[in-house]
Amino acid sequence: MCSETLVVGGDGTVGETLARRLVHGSAVVLFIGEDEHAVERATSAGVDARLADPSETATLDGEAIEAMGTAIVASRTDRRNLLVAQLLGLRRTERVIALVNDPRNVDAFAAAGIEPVCAATTLASALARQRRGGEQPESERQSEQAMGESPTERSPRESADESGRERLRSDGTGGDR
């Protein structure tokens, strides 16, 4: 398996941030993005970055995509991520991972043979694991300290409401449908 990674950032900063972190982990990284500033930031951080539209087949044909071991697609829209991931899959990239912004779309990505990573589901799972372990997220601790409130000072109603919100989050829906 190749250790080279293609990060397709498309229209957001998630791909650029990921590329910068991966390159500092000694991976060989190629970043393709449409945001000129993101490409500049990635380049200044030592990433081989190109300004191009990753949904154009000519862009993917012009790069050494088939030599990449892993491709990560991370733009703000699922439709775009699915399209680019499918195009990469056609180029025989060993592993294609795509950001799924809406948990309801995970099955569509998986059915297309793409490894989906849903931010909302991943975050909810991490929070659920943290709660089961008895740990409280740092942001909640800071919030309570700022308000001068401890977990024991909450009313039973507030605790029940919080439990209901956690159930919504931990099932991957995020409670915002």
N, C-alpha and C. Protein backbone atom coordinates (compact mmCIF):
# COMPACT_ATOMS: atom_id res chain seq x y z
N MET A 1 0.84 -1.19 0.00
CA MET A 1 0.00 0.00 0.00
C MET A 1 0.88 1.25 0.00
N CYS A 2 0.52 2.21 -0.80
CA CYS A 2 1.27 3.46 -0.90
C CYS A 2 1.07 4.30 0.35
N SER A 3 2.10 5.07 0.71
CA SER A 3 1.97 5.95 1.87
C SER A 3 1.60 7.37 1.43
N GLU A 4 1.37 7.53 0.14
CA GLU A 4 1.03 8.86 -0.36
C GLU A 4 -0.46 9.10 -0.21
N THR A 5 -0.81 10.33 0.14
CA THR A 5 -2.20 10.68 0.38
C THR A 5 -2.58 11.90 -0.43
N LEU A 6 -3.71 11.78 -1.09
CA LEU A 6 -4.29 12.90 -1.81
C LEU A 6 -5.39 13.46 -0.93
N VAL A 7 -5.37 14.75 -0.70
CA VAL A 7 -6.44 15.40 0.04
C VAL A 7 -7.11 16.38 -0.91
N VAL A 8 -8.39 16.16 -1.13
CA VAL A 8 -9.15 17.04 -1.99
C VAL A 8 -9.98 17.93 -1.09
N GLY A 9 -9.65 19.21 -1.07
CA GLY A 9 -10.31 20.13 -0.17
C GLY A 9 -11.50 20.83 -0.77
N GLY A 10 -11.55 20.89 -2.07
CA GLY A 10 -12.68 21.56 -2.69
C GLY A 10 -12.85 22.99 -2.23
N ASP A 11 -13.94 23.27 -1.53
CA ASP A 11 -14.35 24.63 -1.23
C ASP A 11 -14.18 25.07 0.22
N GLY A 12 -13.60 24.25 1.05
CA GLY A 12 -13.54 24.61 2.46
C GLY A 12 -12.15 24.50 3.03
N THR A 13 -12.03 24.72 4.33
CA THR A 13 -10.74 24.68 4.99
C THR A 13 -10.46 23.33 5.64
N VAL A 14 -11.44 22.43 5.69
CA VAL A 14 -11.23 21.14 6.33
C VAL A 14 -10.12 20.38 5.62
N GLY A 15 -10.18 20.31 4.29
CA GLY A 15 -9.15 19.61 3.53
C GLY A 15 -7.78 20.22 3.71
N GLU A 16 -7.72 21.53 3.70
CA GLU A 16 -6.44 22.23 3.86
C GLU A 16 -5.84 21.94 5.24
N THR A 17 -6.66 21.99 6.27
CA THR A 17 -6.19 21.71 7.63
C THR A 17 -5.71 20.27 7.74
N LEU A 18 -6.47 19.37 7.17
CA LEU A 18 -6.09 17.95 7.18
C LEU A 18 -4.76 17.73 6.46
N ALA A 19 -4.59 18.34 5.31
CA ALA A 19 -3.35 18.20 4.55
C ALA A 19 -2.16 18.71 5.35
N ARG A 20 -2.33 19.86 6.00
CA ARG A 20 -1.23 20.41 6.81
C ARG A 20 -0.86 19.47 7.95
N ARG A 21 -1.85 18.88 8.60
CA ARG A 21 -1.57 17.97 9.71
C ARG A 21 -0.93 16.68 9.23
N LEU A 22 -1.40 16.17 8.11
CA LEU A 22 -0.83 14.93 7.59
C LEU A 22 0.62 15.11 7.15
N VAL A 23 0.94 16.24 6.52
CA VAL A 23 2.30 16.45 6.06
C VAL A 23 3.26 16.57 7.23
N HIS A 24 2.80 17.07 8.35
CA HIS A 24 3.65 17.17 9.54
C HIS A 24 3.81 15.81 10.21
N GLY A 25 2.98 14.85 9.84
CA GLY A 25 3.11 13.49 10.33
C GLY A 25 3.97 12.66 9.41
N SER A 26 4.75 13.30 8.55
CA SER A 26 5.71 12.71 7.60
C SER A 26 5.06 11.93 6.46
N ALA A 27 3.80 12.17 6.18
CA ALA A 27 3.16 11.56 5.02
C ALA A 27 3.45 12.41 3.78
N VAL A 28 3.46 11.76 2.63
CA VAL A 28 3.58 12.49 1.37
C VAL A 28 2.16 12.89 1.00
N VAL A 29 1.91 14.19 0.90
CA VAL A 29 0.56 14.70 0.72
C VAL A 29 0.48 15.60 -0.50
N LEU A 30 -0.59 15.42 -1.26
CA LEU A 30 -0.92 16.32 -2.35
C LEU A 30 -2.30 16.88 -2.03
N PHE A 31 -2.42 18.20 -2.03
CA PHE A 31 -3.69 18.87 -1.73
C PHE A 31 -4.19 19.55 -2.99
N ILE A 32 -5.45 19.28 -3.34
CA ILE A 32 -6.08 19.96 -4.47
C ILE A 32 -7.28 20.72 -3.91
N GLY A 33 -7.32 22.01 -4.15
CA GLY A 33 -8.41 22.82 -3.64
C GLY A 33 -8.75 23.96 -4.59
N GLU A 34 -9.95 24.48 -4.44
CA GLU A 34 -10.40 25.60 -5.27
C GLU A 34 -10.22 26.95 -4.61
N ASP A 35 -9.99 26.95 -3.31
CA ASP A 35 -9.83 28.19 -2.57
C ASP A 35 -8.36 28.61 -2.63
N GLU A 36 -8.11 29.72 -3.29
CA GLU A 36 -6.74 30.20 -3.49
C GLU A 36 -6.01 30.40 -2.16
N HIS A 37 -6.70 30.94 -1.16
CA HIS A 37 -6.07 31.19 0.13
C HIS A 37 -5.73 29.88 0.84
N ALA A 38 -6.60 28.89 0.74
CA ALA A 38 -6.33 27.59 1.36
C ALA A 38 -5.11 26.94 0.71
N VAL A 39 -5.01 27.04 -0.61
CA VAL A 39 -3.86 26.48 -1.33
C VAL A 39 -2.58 27.20 -0.90
N GLU A 40 -2.64 28.52 -0.78
CA GLU A 40 -1.47 29.29 -0.34
C GLU A 40 -1.04 28.89 1.07
N ARG A 41 -2.01 28.76 1.98
CA ARG A 41 -1.70 28.37 3.36
C ARG A 41 -1.09 26.97 3.40
N ALA A 42 -1.65 26.06 2.64
CA ALA A 42 -1.12 24.69 2.60
C ALA A 42 0.30 24.68 2.04
N THR A 43 0.52 25.43 0.97
CA THR A 43 1.86 25.50 0.36
C THR A 43 2.87 26.06 1.35
N SER A 44 2.51 27.12 2.05
CA SER A 44 3.44 27.72 3.02
C SER A 44 3.71 26.79 4.20
N ALA A 45 2.83 25.81 4.42
CA ALA A 45 3.03 24.84 5.50
C ALA A 45 3.82 23.61 5.02
N GLY A 46 4.24 23.63 3.74
CA GLY A 46 5.06 22.53 3.24
C GLY A 46 4.29 21.46 2.47
N VAL A 47 3.04 21.72 2.18
CA VAL A 47 2.22 20.76 1.44
C VAL A 47 2.35 21.03 -0.05
N ASP A 48 2.42 19.98 -0.85
CA ASP A 48 2.36 20.12 -2.30
C ASP A 48 0.89 20.40 -2.62
N ALA A 49 0.56 21.66 -2.90
CA ALA A 49 -0.83 22.08 -3.07
C ALA A 49 -1.05 22.65 -4.45
N ARG A 50 -2.21 22.33 -5.03
CA ARG A 50 -2.55 22.80 -6.37
C ARG A 50 -3.91 23.47 -6.35
N LEU A 51 -4.02 24.57 -7.06
CA LEU A 51 -5.29 25.28 -7.21
C LEU A 51 -5.98 24.70 -8.44
N ALA A 52 -7.09 23.98 -8.21
CA ALA A 52 -7.81 23.34 -9.32
C ALA A 52 -9.18 22.90 -8.83
N ASP A 53 -10.08 22.63 -9.78
CA ASP A 53 -11.41 22.11 -9.47
C ASP A 53 -11.34 20.59 -9.47
N PRO A 54 -11.44 19.97 -8.30
CA PRO A 54 -11.30 18.52 -8.22
C PRO A 54 -12.46 17.74 -8.85
N SER A 55 -13.56 18.42 -9.15
CA SER A 55 -14.68 17.70 -9.77
C SER A 55 -14.53 17.62 -11.29
N GLU A 56 -13.49 18.27 -11.81
CA GLU A 56 -13.19 18.20 -13.24
C GLU A 56 -12.30 16.99 -13.49
N THR A 57 -12.72 16.13 -14.41
CA THR A 57 -11.92 14.93 -14.68
C THR A 57 -10.52 15.29 -15.17
N ALA A 58 -10.37 16.39 -15.88
CA ALA A 58 -9.05 16.81 -16.37
C ALA A 58 -8.10 17.07 -15.20
N THR A 59 -8.61 17.60 -14.10
CA THR A 59 -7.78 17.84 -12.92
C THR A 59 -7.24 16.53 -12.38
N LEU A 60 -8.11 15.56 -12.25
CA LEU A 60 -7.70 14.27 -11.69
C LEU A 60 -6.84 13.48 -12.67
N ASP A 61 -7.08 13.64 -13.96
CA ASP A 61 -6.26 12.97 -14.96
C ASP A 61 -4.86 13.56 -15.01
N GLY A 62 -4.76 14.84 -14.71
CA GLY A 62 -3.47 15.53 -14.77
C GLY A 62 -2.57 15.25 -13.60
N GLU A 63 -3.09 14.70 -12.55
CA GLU A 63 -2.30 14.40 -11.36
C GLU A 63 -1.97 12.91 -11.32
N ALA A 64 -1.03 12.52 -10.51
CA ALA A 64 -0.64 11.11 -10.38
C ALA A 64 -1.56 10.42 -9.38
N ILE A 65 -2.85 10.44 -9.66
CA ILE A 65 -3.85 9.94 -8.72
C ILE A 65 -3.70 8.44 -8.47
N GLU A 66 -3.44 7.68 -9.51
CA GLU A 66 -3.36 6.23 -9.35
C GLU A 66 -2.23 5.81 -8.42
N ALA A 67 -1.21 6.65 -8.28
CA ALA A 67 -0.08 6.32 -7.40
C ALA A 67 -0.41 6.59 -5.93
N MET A 68 -1.50 7.28 -5.68
CA MET A 68 -1.87 7.62 -4.31
C MET A 68 -2.46 6.40 -3.60
N GLY A 69 -2.04 6.18 -2.38
CA GLY A 69 -2.58 5.07 -1.62
C GLY A 69 -3.94 5.39 -1.05
N THR A 70 -4.12 6.62 -0.62
CA THR A 70 -5.36 7.05 0.02
C THR A 70 -5.77 8.40 -0.54
N ALA A 71 -7.06 8.54 -0.77
CA ALA A 71 -7.61 9.84 -1.16
C ALA A 71 -8.66 10.22 -0.14
N ILE A 72 -8.59 11.45 0.32
CA ILE A 72 -9.57 11.97 1.28
C ILE A 72 -10.27 13.15 0.63
N VAL A 73 -11.59 13.08 0.58
CA VAL A 73 -12.38 14.14 -0.04
C VAL A 73 -13.13 14.86 1.08
N ALA A 74 -12.92 16.16 1.21
CA ALA A 74 -13.49 16.89 2.34
C ALA A 74 -13.92 18.29 1.93
N SER A 75 -15.07 18.38 1.27
CA SER A 75 -15.63 19.70 0.97
C SER A 75 -16.89 19.89 1.81
N ARG A 76 -17.54 21.01 1.63
CA ARG A 76 -18.71 21.33 2.47
C ARG A 76 -20.00 20.66 2.00
N THR A 77 -20.02 20.10 0.79
CA THR A 77 -21.26 19.52 0.29
C THR A 77 -21.11 18.04 -0.02
N ASP A 78 -22.07 17.28 0.42
CA ASP A 78 -22.05 15.84 0.22
C ASP A 78 -22.12 15.47 -1.25
N ARG A 79 -22.93 16.18 -2.00
CA ARG A 79 -23.08 15.88 -3.42
C ARG A 79 -21.72 15.97 -4.12
N ARG A 80 -20.99 17.01 -3.82
CA ARG A 80 -19.67 17.20 -4.42
C ARG A 80 -18.70 16.14 -3.93
N ASN A 81 -18.72 15.84 -2.64
CA ASN A 81 -17.84 14.82 -2.09
C ASN A 81 -18.09 13.46 -2.72
N LEU A 82 -19.35 13.13 -2.91
CA LEU A 82 -19.69 11.85 -3.53
C LEU A 82 -19.18 11.79 -4.97
N LEU A 83 -19.39 12.84 -5.73
CA LEU A 83 -18.93 12.88 -7.12
C LEU A 83 -17.42 12.73 -7.21
N VAL A 84 -16.69 13.53 -6.46
CA VAL A 84 -15.23 13.49 -6.52
C VAL A 84 -14.72 12.13 -6.04
N ALA A 85 -15.31 11.60 -4.98
CA ALA A 85 -14.89 10.29 -4.47
C ALA A 85 -15.12 9.19 -5.51
N GLN A 86 -16.24 9.25 -6.21
CA GLN A 86 -16.50 8.27 -7.26
C GLN A 86 -15.50 8.41 -8.40
N LEU A 87 -15.17 9.63 -8.77
CA LEU A 87 -14.17 9.85 -9.81
C LEU A 87 -12.81 9.28 -9.39
N LEU A 88 -12.46 9.46 -8.14
CA LEU A 88 -11.20 8.90 -7.63
C LEU A 88 -11.24 7.38 -7.61
N GLY A 89 -12.38 6.82 -7.27
CA GLY A 89 -12.52 5.37 -7.27
C GLY A 89 -12.32 4.78 -8.66
N LEU A 90 -12.75 5.50 -9.68
CA LEU A 90 -12.56 5.05 -11.06
C LEU A 90 -11.09 5.05 -11.46
N ARG A 91 -10.28 5.83 -10.74
CA ARG A 91 -8.85 5.90 -11.04
C ARG A 91 -8.06 4.89 -10.23
N ARG A 92 -8.73 3.97 -9.63
CA ARG A 92 -8.13 2.86 -8.88
C ARG A 92 -7.29 3.30 -7.68
N THR A 93 -7.70 4.39 -7.06
CA THR A 93 -7.06 4.79 -5.82
C THR A 93 -7.34 3.69 -4.80
N GLU A 94 -6.32 3.27 -4.05
CA GLU A 94 -6.47 2.13 -3.14
C GLU A 94 -7.58 2.33 -2.11
N ARG A 95 -7.65 3.51 -1.54
CA ARG A 95 -8.63 3.76 -0.47
C ARG A 95 -9.18 5.17 -0.66
N VAL A 96 -10.51 5.28 -0.70
CA VAL A 96 -11.16 6.58 -0.86
C VAL A 96 -12.03 6.82 0.37
N ILE A 97 -11.73 7.90 1.07
CA ILE A 97 -12.46 8.30 2.27
C ILE A 97 -13.12 9.64 1.96
N ALA A 98 -14.37 9.79 2.37
CA ALA A 98 -15.06 11.05 2.10
C ALA A 98 -15.78 11.56 3.34
N LEU A 99 -15.71 12.87 3.53
CA LEU A 99 -16.45 13.53 4.59
C LEU A 99 -17.92 13.54 4.20
N VAL A 100 -18.77 13.11 5.13
CA VAL A 100 -20.21 13.16 4.93
C VAL A 100 -20.74 14.18 5.92
N ASN A 101 -21.30 15.26 5.40
CA ASN A 101 -21.77 16.35 6.25
C ASN A 101 -23.14 16.10 6.86
N ASP A 102 -23.97 15.32 6.19
CA ASP A 102 -25.32 15.00 6.67
C ASP A 102 -25.40 13.51 6.95
N PRO A 103 -25.62 13.11 8.20
CA PRO A 103 -25.65 11.69 8.56
C PRO A 103 -26.62 10.86 7.71
N ARG A 104 -27.64 11.48 7.17
CA ARG A 104 -28.59 10.73 6.35
C ARG A 104 -27.98 10.24 5.04
N ASN A 105 -26.81 10.75 4.67
CA ASN A 105 -26.18 10.38 3.40
C ASN A 105 -25.11 9.31 3.53
N VAL A 106 -24.83 8.85 4.73
CA VAL A 106 -23.77 7.86 4.95
C VAL A 106 -23.99 6.61 4.11
N ASP A 107 -25.21 6.10 4.06
CA ASP A 107 -25.49 4.87 3.32
C ASP A 107 -25.20 5.03 1.83
N ALA A 108 -25.47 6.19 1.26
CA ALA A 108 -25.21 6.41 -0.16
C ALA A 108 -23.72 6.32 -0.46
N PHE A 109 -22.89 6.86 0.40
CA PHE A 109 -21.45 6.79 0.22
C PHE A 109 -20.97 5.35 0.35
N ALA A 110 -21.44 4.67 1.38
CA ALA A 110 -21.03 3.28 1.59
C ALA A 110 -21.46 2.40 0.42
N ALA A 111 -22.65 2.62 -0.10
CA ALA A 111 -23.15 1.83 -1.24
C ALA A 111 -22.30 2.06 -2.49
N ALA A 112 -21.67 3.21 -2.58
CA ALA A 112 -20.82 3.53 -3.74
C ALA A 112 -19.39 3.01 -3.53
N GLY A 113 -19.13 2.32 -2.42
CA GLY A 113 -17.81 1.78 -2.17
C GLY A 113 -16.83 2.78 -1.60
N ILE A 114 -17.36 3.85 -1.06
CA ILE A 114 -16.54 4.92 -0.49
C ILE A 114 -16.60 4.80 1.02
N GLU A 115 -15.48 5.00 1.67
CA GLU A 115 -15.43 4.93 3.13
C GLU A 115 -15.94 6.26 3.70
N PRO A 116 -17.14 6.27 4.28
CA PRO A 116 -17.70 7.53 4.78
C PRO A 116 -17.20 7.87 6.18
N VAL A 117 -16.97 9.15 6.41
CA VAL A 117 -16.66 9.66 7.74
C VAL A 117 -17.63 10.80 7.98
N CYS A 118 -18.55 10.58 8.89
CA CYS A 118 -19.56 11.59 9.19
C CYS A 118 -19.15 12.35 10.44
N ALA A 119 -18.93 13.64 10.29
CA ALA A 119 -18.47 14.46 11.41
C ALA A 119 -19.46 14.44 12.56
N ALA A 120 -20.74 14.57 12.27
CA ALA A 120 -21.75 14.61 13.33
C ALA A 120 -21.80 13.29 14.09
N THR A 121 -21.77 12.18 13.38
CA THR A 121 -21.82 10.88 14.02
C THR A 121 -20.55 10.61 14.82
N THR A 122 -19.41 10.97 14.24
CA THR A 122 -18.14 10.76 14.93
C THR A 122 -18.07 11.58 16.21
N LEU A 123 -18.50 12.82 16.14
CA LEU A 123 -18.51 13.68 17.33
C LEU A 123 -19.47 13.13 18.37
N ALA A 124 -20.64 12.73 17.94
CA ALA A 124 -21.63 12.18 18.88
C ALA A 124 -21.12 10.92 19.55
N SER A 125 -20.46 10.05 18.78
CA SER A 125 -19.91 8.82 19.35
C SER A 125 -18.81 9.13 20.36
N ALA A 126 -17.97 10.10 20.04
CA ALA A 126 -16.90 10.48 20.97
C ALA A 126 -17.48 11.04 22.26
N LEU A 127 -18.51 11.85 22.14
CA LEU A 127 -19.15 12.39 23.34
C LEU A 127 -19.80 11.29 24.16
N ALA A 128 -20.43 10.34 23.49
CA ALA A 128 -21.08 9.23 24.20
C ALA A 128 -20.03 8.39 24.92
N ARG A 129 -18.91 8.09 24.26
CA ARG A 129 -17.82 7.33 24.91
C ARG A 129 -17.28 8.09 26.11
N GLN A 130 -17.14 9.38 25.95
CA GLN A 130 -16.60 10.20 27.02
C GLN A 130 -17.55 10.18 28.22
N ARG A 131 -18.83 10.26 27.95
CA ARG A 131 -19.82 10.24 29.04
C ARG A 131 -19.84 8.90 29.75
N ARG A 132 -19.77 7.81 28.98
CA ARG A 132 -19.76 6.48 29.60
C ARG A 132 -18.55 6.29 30.48
N GLY A 133 -17.44 6.93 30.09
CA GLY A 133 -16.21 6.84 30.87
C GLY A 133 -16.21 7.77 32.06
N GLY A 134 -17.28 8.53 32.24
CA GLY A 134 -17.38 9.44 33.36
C GLY A 134 -16.66 10.76 33.16
N GLU A 135 -16.09 10.93 31.98
CA GLU A 135 -15.38 12.18 31.71
C GLU A 135 -16.36 13.22 31.19
N GLN A 136 -16.07 14.43 31.49
CA GLN A 136 -16.89 15.53 31.01
C GLN A 136 -16.07 16.32 30.00
N PRO A 137 -16.67 16.63 28.83
CA PRO A 137 -15.91 17.41 27.85
C PRO A 137 -15.38 18.71 28.44
N GLU A 138 -14.17 19.08 28.04
CA GLU A 138 -13.52 20.29 28.55
C GLU A 138 -14.40 21.52 28.35
N SER A 139 -15.06 21.62 27.19
CA SER A 139 -15.88 22.80 26.92
C SER A 139 -17.03 22.92 27.91
N GLU A 140 -17.61 21.78 28.34
CA GLU A 140 -18.69 21.83 29.33
C GLU A 140 -18.14 22.26 30.69
N ARG A 141 -16.98 21.73 31.05
CA ARG A 141 -16.39 22.11 32.35
C ARG A 141 -16.11 23.61 32.38
N GLN A 142 -15.53 24.13 31.29
CA GLN A 142 -15.23 25.56 31.23
C GLN A 142 -16.50 26.39 31.29
N SER A 143 -17.53 25.94 30.59
CA SER A 143 -18.80 26.65 30.58
C SER A 143 -19.41 26.71 31.98
N GLU A 144 -19.38 25.57 32.68
CA GLU A 144 -19.93 25.54 34.04
C GLU A 144 -19.13 26.43 34.98
N GLN A 145 -17.80 26.39 34.84
CA GLN A 145 -16.97 27.22 35.71
C GLN A 145 -17.24 28.70 35.46
N ALA A 146 -17.42 29.05 34.21
CA ALA A 146 -17.68 30.45 33.87
C ALA A 146 -19.02 30.91 34.46
N MET A 147 -19.99 30.00 34.53
CA MET A 147 -21.31 30.35 35.06
C MET A 147 -21.38 30.13 36.57
N GLY A 148 -20.29 29.57 37.14
CA GLY A 148 -20.29 29.33 38.57
C GLY A 148 -21.23 28.21 38.97
N GLU A 149 -21.42 27.25 38.08
CA GLU A 149 -22.37 26.17 38.31
C GLU A 149 -21.63 24.85 38.34
N SER A 150 -21.99 23.99 39.23
CA SER A 150 -21.43 22.65 39.25
C SER A 150 -22.52 21.68 38.78
N PRO A 151 -22.14 20.47 38.33
CA PRO A 151 -23.14 19.52 37.86
C PRO A 151 -24.19 19.20 38.91
N THR A 152 -23.83 19.24 40.19
CA THR A 152 -24.79 18.91 41.24
C THR A 152 -25.78 20.05 41.49
N GLU A 153 -25.45 21.26 41.01
CA GLU A 153 -26.34 22.40 41.23
C GLU A 153 -27.45 22.48 40.19
N ARG A 154 -27.43 21.62 39.20
CA ARG A 154 -28.46 21.63 38.17
C ARG A 154 -29.75 21.06 38.72
N SER A 155 -30.83 21.57 38.20
CA SER A 155 -32.12 21.04 38.62
C SER A 155 -32.33 19.68 37.95
N PRO A 156 -33.21 18.82 38.52
CA PRO A 156 -33.50 17.53 37.90
C PRO A 156 -34.00 17.71 36.45
N ARG A 157 -34.76 18.76 36.22
CA ARG A 157 -35.28 19.01 34.87
C ARG A 157 -34.14 19.27 33.88
N GLU A 158 -33.15 20.09 34.30
CA GLU A 158 -32.02 20.35 33.42
C GLU A 158 -31.25 19.07 33.12
N SER A 159 -31.06 18.21 34.13
CA SER A 159 -30.35 16.96 33.92
C SER A 159 -31.12 16.06 32.97
N ALA A 160 -32.43 16.00 33.10
CA ALA A 160 -33.25 15.17 32.22
C ALA A 160 -33.20 15.69 30.79
N ASP A 161 -33.26 17.02 30.65
CA ASP A 161 -33.18 17.61 29.32
C ASP A 161 -31.83 17.29 28.68
N GLU A 162 -30.77 17.36 29.45
CA GLU A 162 -29.45 17.07 28.93
C GLU A 162 -29.34 15.62 28.49
N SER A 163 -29.94 14.69 29.26
CA SER A 163 -29.91 13.27 28.89
C SER A 163 -30.63 13.06 27.58
N GLY A 164 -31.74 13.73 27.38
CA GLY A 164 -32.49 13.61 26.13
C GLY A 164 -31.69 14.13 24.96
N ARG A 165 -30.99 15.24 25.15
CA ARG A 165 -30.15 15.78 24.08
C ARG A 165 -29.03 14.81 23.75
N GLU A 166 -28.44 14.19 24.76
CA GLU A 166 -27.36 13.25 24.52
C GLU A 166 -27.85 12.05 23.72
N ARG A 167 -29.04 11.54 24.03
CA ARG A 167 -29.59 10.42 23.27
C ARG A 167 -29.74 10.80 21.82
N LEU A 168 -30.21 12.00 21.56
CA LEU A 168 -30.35 12.43 20.17
C LEU A 168 -29.01 12.49 19.48
N ARG A 169 -28.02 13.00 20.17
CA ARG A 169 -26.71 13.11 19.55
C ARG A 169 -26.07 11.74 19.36
N SER A 170 -26.18 10.87 20.34
CA SER A 170 -25.46 9.62 20.25
C SER A 170 -26.02 8.66 19.21
N ASP A 171 -27.23 8.89 18.73
CA ASP A 171 -27.74 8.01 17.67
C ASP A 171 -27.37 8.53 16.29
N GLY A 172 -26.57 9.60 16.22
CA GLY A 172 -26.06 10.09 14.96
C GLY A 172 -26.91 11.12 14.27
N THR A 173 -28.07 11.44 14.81
CA THR A 173 -28.92 12.40 14.13
C THR A 173 -28.58 13.83 14.47
N GLY A 174 -27.93 14.04 15.58
CA GLY A 174 -27.55 15.39 15.97
C GLY A 174 -28.69 16.20 16.54
N GLY A 175 -29.88 15.65 16.52
CA GLY A 175 -31.03 16.32 17.11
C GLY A 175 -31.47 17.57 16.40
N ASP A 176 -30.98 17.82 15.17
CA ASP A 176 -31.32 19.07 14.52
C ASP A 176 -32.10 18.86 13.22
N ARG A 177 -32.81 17.78 13.11
CA ARG A 177 -33.61 17.58 11.90
C ARG A 177 -34.93 18.28 11.97
